[in-house]
Structure formats: C-alpha cells, structure tokens
Amino acid sequence: MAEPLSQQATATLKALLTGSDPVSSALRAQIPHTQVADRCGCGCVTVDLAVDRAAVPPAPAHGNPAADAW
C-alpha cells in the first residue's frame, strides 16, 4: 500500500538532486508526485518509490543514478 514520502525522505531527495542540469530538475519536479510503494522486509530503511506518471513527465535517461546499492 502506497504512503506519502516523509519530510525526511523529501529532504534527502532534494539534497541528492541539487544542481541545474535537466535530469536533476526533472527528478526534483517528480518529488511531489512520489510515494513510498514498498519497504524492505528486513526492517531496514530501504524503500521502493513510485511516481505518478500521469501527473509528471519522465526525467531524461542518464547513466548516473542519484543513489544505487545492493
């Protein structure tokens, strides 16, 4: 069940997406339309995000993720 982003998650995304490049700008525009779609089952703070694609256009493709981990 989707839930709104917390203030901390919103602030973290904004901090990671600083800059005036087109990708960062497009991703920042998606933040108000983003929800937590799922959480990691182990209890850590990892979340899966979902963007309302009808509300905001996609960001341009790029090869430098804001954050990626396994």
PDB file of N, CA and C in Angstrom:
ATOM      1  N   MET A   1       0.829  -1.172   0.000  1.00  0.00           N
ATOM      2  CA  MET A   1       0.000   0.000   0.000  1.00  0.00           C
ATOM      3  C   MET A   1       0.882   1.247   0.000  1.00  0.00           C
ATOM      4  N   ALA A   2       0.669   2.130  -0.931  1.00  0.00           N
ATOM      5  CA  ALA A   2       1.496   3.328  -1.070  1.00  0.00           C
ATOM      6  C   ALA A   2       1.236   4.292   0.079  1.00  0.00           C
ATOM      7  N   GLU A   3       2.283   5.006   0.446  1.00  0.00           N
ATOM      8  CA  GLU A   3       2.173   6.010   1.503  1.00  0.00           C
ATOM      9  C   GLU A   3       2.973   7.242   1.092  1.00  0.00           C
ATOM     10  N   PRO A   4       2.612   8.411   1.601  1.00  0.00           N
ATOM     11  CA  PRO A   4       3.339   9.629   1.235  1.00  0.00           C
ATOM     12  C   PRO A   4       4.796   9.566   1.695  1.00  0.00           C
ATOM     13  N   LEU A   5       5.636  10.329   1.017  1.00  0.00           N
ATOM     14  CA  LEU A   5       7.026  10.462   1.454  1.00  0.00           C
ATOM     15  C   LEU A   5       7.065  11.216   2.783  1.00  0.00           C
ATOM     16  N   SER A   6       7.953  10.813   3.654  1.00  0.00           N
ATOM     17  CA  SER A   6       8.146  11.556   4.906  1.00  0.00           C
ATOM     18  C   SER A   6       8.882  12.858   4.596  1.00  0.00           C
ATOM     19  N   GLN A   7       8.854  13.773   5.543  1.00  0.00           N
ATOM     20  CA  GLN A   7       9.606  15.021   5.369  1.00  0.00           C
ATOM     21  C   GLN A   7      11.093  14.737   5.232  1.00  0.00           C
ATOM     22  N   GLN A   8      11.580  13.745   5.976  1.00  0.00           N
ATOM     23  CA  GLN A   8      12.999  13.386   5.897  1.00  0.00           C
ATOM     24  C   GLN A   8      13.340  12.821   4.518  1.00  0.00           C
ATOM     25  N   ALA A   9      12.485  11.963   3.973  1.00  0.00           N
ATOM     26  CA  ALA A   9      12.740  11.401   2.650  1.00  0.00           C
ATOM     27  C   ALA A   9      12.711  12.492   1.588  1.00  0.00           C
ATOM     28  N   THR A  10      11.767  13.399   1.703  1.00  0.00           N
ATOM     29  CA  THR A  10      11.681  14.518   0.756  1.00  0.00           C
ATOM     30  C   THR A  10      12.938  15.372   0.825  1.00  0.00           C
ATOM     31  N   ALA A  11      13.387  15.683   2.023  1.00  0.00           N
ATOM     32  CA  ALA A  11      14.605  16.491   2.189  1.00  0.00           C
ATOM     33  C   ALA A  11      15.824  15.770   1.639  1.00  0.00           C
ATOM     34  N   THR A  12      15.905  14.459   1.848  1.00  0.00           N
ATOM     35  CA  THR A  12      17.035  13.678   1.337  1.00  0.00           C
ATOM     36  C   THR A  12      17.055  13.694  -0.185  1.00  0.00           C
ATOM     37  N   LEU A  13      15.905  13.473  -0.809  1.00  0.00           N
ATOM     38  CA  LEU A  13      15.848  13.506  -2.271  1.00  0.00           C
ATOM     39  C   LEU A  13      16.258  14.871  -2.808  1.00  0.00           C
ATOM     40  N   LYS A  14      15.767  15.926  -2.193  1.00  0.00           N
ATOM     41  CA  LYS A  14      16.119  17.279  -2.643  1.00  0.00           C
ATOM     42  C   LYS A  14      17.622  17.517  -2.497  1.00  0.00           C
ATOM     43  N   ALA A  15      18.226  17.020  -1.419  1.00  0.00           N
ATOM     44  CA  ALA A  15      19.668  17.193  -1.208  1.00  0.00           C
ATOM     45  C   ALA A  15      20.470  16.410  -2.244  1.00  0.00           C
ATOM     46  N   LEU A  16      20.003  15.217  -2.604  1.00  0.00           N
ATOM     47  CA  LEU A  16      20.707  14.403  -3.600  1.00  0.00           C
ATOM     48  C   LEU A  16      20.569  14.963  -5.010  1.00  0.00           C
ATOM     49  N   LEU A  17      19.501  15.716  -5.244  1.00  0.00           N
ATOM     50  CA  LEU A  17      19.193  16.173  -6.602  1.00  0.00           C
ATOM     51  C   LEU A  17      19.451  17.662  -6.797  1.00  0.00           C
ATOM     52  N   THR A  18      20.421  18.208  -6.098  1.00  0.00           N
ATOM     53  CA  THR A  18      20.768  19.611  -6.302  1.00  0.00           C
ATOM     54  C   THR A  18      21.442  19.757  -7.662  1.00  0.00           C
ATOM     55  N   GLY A  19      21.399  20.920  -8.195  1.00  0.00           N
ATOM     56  CA  GLY A  19      22.028  21.177  -9.485  1.00  0.00           C
ATOM     57  C   GLY A  19      21.003  21.673 -10.482  1.00  0.00           C
ATOM     58  N   SER A  20      21.513  22.302 -11.511  1.00  0.00           N
ATOM     59  CA  SER A  20      20.627  22.895 -12.514  1.00  0.00           C
ATOM     60  C   SER A  20      20.542  22.070 -13.796  1.00  0.00           C
ATOM     61  N   ASP A  21      21.167  20.893 -13.806  1.00  0.00           N
ATOM     62  CA  ASP A  21      21.119  20.062 -15.015  1.00  0.00           C
ATOM     63  C   ASP A  21      19.682  19.570 -15.247  1.00  0.00           C
ATOM     64  N   PRO A  22      19.340  19.236 -16.478  1.00  0.00           N
ATOM     65  CA  PRO A  22      17.963  18.838 -16.807  1.00  0.00           C
ATOM     66  C   PRO A  22      17.474  17.598 -16.058  1.00  0.00           C
ATOM     67  N   VAL A  23      18.351  16.642 -15.802  1.00  0.00           N
ATOM     68  CA  VAL A  23      17.933  15.421 -15.108  1.00  0.00           C
ATOM     69  C   VAL A  23      17.569  15.735 -13.661  1.00  0.00           C
ATOM     70  N   SER A  24      18.433  16.443 -12.958  1.00  0.00           N
ATOM     71  CA  SER A  24      18.138  16.799 -11.564  1.00  0.00           C
ATOM     72  C   SER A  24      16.866  17.627 -11.466  1.00  0.00           C
ATOM     73  N   SER A  25      16.706  18.575 -12.364  1.00  0.00           N
ATOM     74  CA  SER A  25      15.497  19.411 -12.361  1.00  0.00           C
ATOM     75  C   SER A  25      14.243  18.572 -12.577  1.00  0.00           C
ATOM     76  N   ALA A  26      14.292  17.645 -13.521  1.00  0.00           N
ATOM     77  CA  ALA A  26      13.127  16.793 -13.805  1.00  0.00           C
ATOM     78  C   ALA A  26      12.827  15.869 -12.631  1.00  0.00           C
ATOM     79  N   LEU A  27      13.853  15.319 -12.011  1.00  0.00           N
ATOM     80  CA  LEU A  27      13.637  14.439 -10.865  1.00  0.00           C
ATOM     81  C   LEU A  27      13.089  15.212  -9.667  1.00  0.00           C
ATOM     82  N   ARG A  28      13.577  16.428  -9.441  1.00  0.00           N
ATOM     83  CA  ARG A  28      13.020  17.261  -8.357  1.00  0.00           C
ATOM     84  C   ARG A  28      11.546  17.550  -8.596  1.00  0.00           C
ATOM     85  N   ALA A  29      11.161  17.763  -9.848  1.00  0.00           N
ATOM     86  CA  ALA A  29       9.760  18.039 -10.174  1.00  0.00           C
ATOM     87  C   ALA A  29       8.878  16.830  -9.878  1.00  0.00           C
ATOM     88  N   GLN A  30       9.460  15.632  -9.855  1.00  0.00           N
ATOM     89  CA  GLN A  30       8.695  14.425  -9.572  1.00  0.00           C
ATOM     90  C   GLN A  30       8.445  14.214  -8.078  1.00  0.00           C
ATOM     91  N   ILE A  31       9.229  14.832  -7.221  1.00  0.00           N
ATOM     92  CA  ILE A  31       9.134  14.581  -5.780  1.00  0.00           C
ATOM     93  C   ILE A  31       7.714  14.762  -5.236  1.00  0.00           C
ATOM     94  N   PRO A  32       6.988  15.829  -5.575  1.00  0.00           N
ATOM     95  CA  PRO A  32       5.633  15.965  -5.024  1.00  0.00           C
ATOM     96  C   PRO A  32       4.667  14.873  -5.497  1.00  0.00           C
ATOM     97  N   HIS A  33       5.035  14.149  -6.526  1.00  0.00           N
ATOM     98  CA  HIS A  33       4.185  13.113  -7.106  1.00  0.00           C
ATOM     99  C   HIS A  33       4.730  11.710  -6.810  1.00  0.00           C
ATOM    100  N   THR A  34       5.599  11.614  -5.813  1.00  0.00           N
ATOM    101  CA  THR A  34       6.260  10.358  -5.464  1.00  0.00           C
ATOM    102  C   THR A  34       5.741   9.845  -4.132  1.00  0.00           C
ATOM    103  N   GLN A  35       5.544   8.527  -4.072  1.00  0.00           N
ATOM    104  CA  GLN A  35       5.109   7.872  -2.845  1.00  0.00           C
ATOM    105  C   GLN A  35       6.001   6.671  -2.552  1.00  0.00           C
ATOM    106  N   VAL A  36       5.985   6.245  -1.306  1.00  0.00           N
ATOM    107  CA  VAL A  36       6.654   5.002  -0.921  1.00  0.00           C
ATOM    108  C   VAL A  36       5.725   3.866  -1.329  1.00  0.00           C
ATOM    109  N   ALA A  37       6.172   3.044  -2.270  1.00  0.00           N
ATOM    110  CA  ALA A  37       5.358   1.947  -2.786  1.00  0.00           C
ATOM    111  C   ALA A  37       5.532   0.670  -1.972  1.00  0.00           C
ATOM    112  N   ASP A  38       6.710   0.496  -1.372  1.00  0.00           N
ATOM    113  CA  ASP A  38       7.000  -0.727  -0.625  1.00  0.00           C
ATOM    114  C   ASP A  38       8.200  -0.469   0.267  1.00  0.00           C
ATOM    115  N   ARG A  39       8.386  -1.353   1.221  1.00  0.00           N
ATOM    116  CA  ARG A  39       9.529  -1.271   2.132  1.00  0.00           C
ATOM    117  C   ARG A  39      10.260  -2.611   2.138  1.00  0.00           C
ATOM    118  N   CYS A  40      11.517  -2.575   2.499  1.00  0.00           N
ATOM    119  CA  CYS A  40      12.300  -3.798   2.609  1.00  0.00           C
ATOM    120  C   CYS A  40      11.713  -4.656   3.740  1.00  0.00           C
ATOM    121  N   GLY A  41      11.661  -5.945   3.524  1.00  0.00           N
ATOM    122  CA  GLY A  41      11.090  -6.848   4.503  1.00  0.00           C
ATOM    123  C   GLY A  41      11.945  -7.080   5.730  1.00  0.00           C
ATOM    124  N   CYS A  42      13.223  -6.707   5.694  1.00  0.00           N
ATOM    125  CA  CYS A  42      14.106  -6.968   6.831  1.00  0.00           C
ATOM    126  C   CYS A  42      13.972  -5.927   7.937  1.00  0.00           C
ATOM    127  N   GLY A  43      13.287  -4.818   7.654  1.00  0.00           N
ATOM    128  CA  GLY A  43      13.114  -3.796   8.679  1.00  0.00           C
ATOM    129  C   GLY A  43      14.066  -2.616   8.550  1.00  0.00           C
ATOM    130  N   CYS A  44      14.964  -2.647   7.570  1.00  0.00           N
ATOM    131  CA  CYS A  44      15.864  -1.503   7.365  1.00  0.00           C
ATOM    132  C   CYS A  44      15.064  -0.345   6.754  1.00  0.00           C
ATOM    133  N   VAL A  45      15.709   0.751   6.469  1.00  0.00           N
ATOM    134  CA  VAL A  45      15.008   1.938   5.971  1.00  0.00           C
ATOM    135  C   VAL A  45      14.863   1.977   4.449  1.00  0.00           C
ATOM    136  N   THR A  46      15.250   0.899   3.758  1.00  0.00           N
ATOM    137  CA  THR A  46      15.151   0.859   2.307  1.00  0.00           C
ATOM    138  C   THR A  46      13.688   0.911   1.864  1.00  0.00           C
ATOM    139  N   VAL A  47      13.416   1.770   0.865  1.00  0.00           N
ATOM    140  CA  VAL A  47      12.061   1.886   0.335  1.00  0.00           C
ATOM    141  C   VAL A  47      12.098   1.827  -1.191  1.00  0.00           C
ATOM    142  N   ASP A  48      10.988   1.409  -1.764  1.00  0.00           N
ATOM    143  CA  ASP A  48      10.785   1.473  -3.210  1.00  0.00           C
ATOM    144  C   ASP A  48       9.872   2.664  -3.468  1.00  0.00           C
ATOM    145  N   LEU A  49      10.258   3.490  -4.420  1.00  0.00           N
ATOM    146  CA  LEU A  49       9.480   4.680  -4.730  1.00  0.00           C
ATOM    147  C   LEU A  49       8.664   4.476  -5.996  1.00  0.00           C
ATOM    148  N   ALA A  50       7.516   5.134  -6.046  1.00  0.00           N
ATOM    149  CA  ALA A  50       6.663   5.106  -7.228  1.00  0.00           C
ATOM    150  C   ALA A  50       6.241   6.533  -7.542  1.00  0.00           C
ATOM    151  N   VAL A  51       6.355   6.909  -8.811  1.00  0.00           N
ATOM    152  CA  VAL A  51       5.976   8.243  -9.267  1.00  0.00           C
ATOM    153  C   VAL A  51       4.667   8.143 -10.043  1.00  0.00           C
ATOM    154  N   ASP A  52       3.758   9.069  -9.789  1.00  0.00           N
ATOM    155  CA  ASP A  52       2.505   9.133 -10.542  1.00  0.00           C
ATOM    156  C   ASP A  52       2.846   9.624 -11.944  1.00  0.00           C
ATOM    157  N   ARG A  53       2.931   8.704 -12.876  1.00  0.00           N
ATOM    158  CA  ARG A  53       3.370   9.028 -14.236  1.00  0.00           C
ATOM    159  C   ARG A  53       2.352   9.853 -15.012  1.00  0.00           C
ATOM    160  N   ALA A  54       1.120   9.873 -14.557  1.00  0.00           N
ATOM    161  CA  ALA A  54       0.104  10.698 -15.212  1.00  0.00           C
ATOM    162  C   ALA A  54       0.213  12.158 -14.772  1.00  0.00           C
ATOM    163  N   ALA A  55       0.879  12.393 -13.653  1.00  0.00           N
ATOM    164  CA  ALA A  55       0.945  13.745 -13.088  1.00  0.00           C
ATOM    165  C   ALA A  55       2.181  14.532 -13.502  1.00  0.00           C
ATOM    166  N   VAL A  56       3.231  13.825 -13.912  1.00  0.00           N
ATOM    167  CA  VAL A  56       4.501  14.498 -14.192  1.00  0.00           C
ATOM    168  C   VAL A  56       5.249  13.718 -15.281  1.00  0.00           C
ATOM    169  N   PRO A  57       5.931  14.432 -16.192  1.00  0.00           N
ATOM    170  CA  PRO A  57       6.656  13.727 -17.253  1.00  0.00           C
ATOM    171  C   PRO A  57       7.887  12.992 -16.711  1.00  0.00           C
ATOM    172  N   PRO A  58       8.356  11.993 -17.440  1.00  0.00           N
ATOM    173  CA  PRO A  58       9.558  11.272 -17.007  1.00  0.00           C
ATOM    174  C   PRO A  58      10.801  12.151 -17.122  1.00  0.00           C
ATOM    175  N   ALA A  59      11.777  11.821 -16.314  1.00  0.00           N
ATOM    176  CA  ALA A  59      13.068  12.501 -16.404  1.00  0.00           C
ATOM    177  C   ALA A  59      13.833  11.930 -17.590  1.00  0.00           C
ATOM    178  N   PRO A  60      14.725  12.724 -18.187  1.00  0.00           N
ATOM    179  CA  PRO A  60      15.547  12.191 -19.276  1.00  0.00           C
ATOM    180  C   PRO A  60      16.422  11.037 -18.789  1.00  0.00           C
ATOM    181  N   ALA A  61      16.715  10.114 -19.661  1.00  0.00           N
ATOM    182  CA  ALA A  61      17.600   8.996 -19.316  1.00  0.00           C
ATOM    183  C   ALA A  61      19.011   9.529 -19.035  1.00  0.00           C
ATOM    184  N   HIS A  62      19.697   8.875 -18.109  1.00  0.00           N
ATOM    185  CA  HIS A  62      21.064   9.257 -17.768  1.00  0.00           C
ATOM    186  C   HIS A  62      21.780   8.058 -17.165  1.00  0.00           C
ATOM    187  N   GLY A  63      23.077   8.118 -17.099  1.00  0.00           N
ATOM    188  CA  GLY A  63      23.856   6.985 -16.608  1.00  0.00           C
ATOM    189  C   GLY A  63      24.427   7.189 -15.222  1.00  0.00           C
ATOM    190  N   ASN A  64      23.924   8.155 -14.467  1.00  0.00           N
ATOM    191  CA  ASN A  64      24.473   8.449 -13.161  1.00  0.00           C
ATOM    192  C   ASN A  64      23.348   8.494 -12.137  1.00  0.00           C
ATOM    193  N   PRO A  65      23.012   7.351 -11.506  1.00  0.00           N
ATOM    194  CA  PRO A  65      21.908   7.357 -10.544  1.00  0.00           C
ATOM    195  C   PRO A  65      22.231   8.203  -9.316  1.00  0.00           C
ATOM    196  N   ALA A  66      21.189   8.771  -8.738  1.00  0.00           N
ATOM    197  CA  ALA A  66      21.378   9.568  -7.516  1.00  0.00           C
ATOM    198  C   ALA A  66      21.874   8.676  -6.385  1.00  0.00           C
ATOM    199  N   ALA A  67      21.349   7.468  -6.296  1.00  0.00           N
ATOM    200  CA  ALA A  67      21.779   6.503  -5.292  1.00  0.00           C
ATOM    201  C   ALA A  67      21.475   5.112  -5.815  1.00  0.00           C
ATOM    202  N   ASP A  68      22.410   4.201  -5.605  1.00  0.00           N
ATOM    203  CA  ASP A  68      22.199   2.831  -6.046  1.00  0.00           C
ATOM    204  C   ASP A  68      23.014   1.935  -5.131  1.00  0.00           C
ATOM    205  N   ALA A  69      22.382   0.892  -4.630  1.00  0.00           N
ATOM    206  CA  ALA A  69      23.092  -0.018  -3.738  1.00  0.00           C
ATOM    207  C   ALA A  69      22.449  -1.395  -3.786  1.00  0.00           C
ATOM    208  N   TRP A  70      23.212  -2.401  -3.412  1.00  0.00           N
ATOM    209  CA  TRP A  70      22.685  -3.754  -3.317  1.00  0.00           C
ATOM    210  C   TRP A  70      23.007  -4.312  -1.974  1.00  0.00           C
TER     211      TRP A  70
END
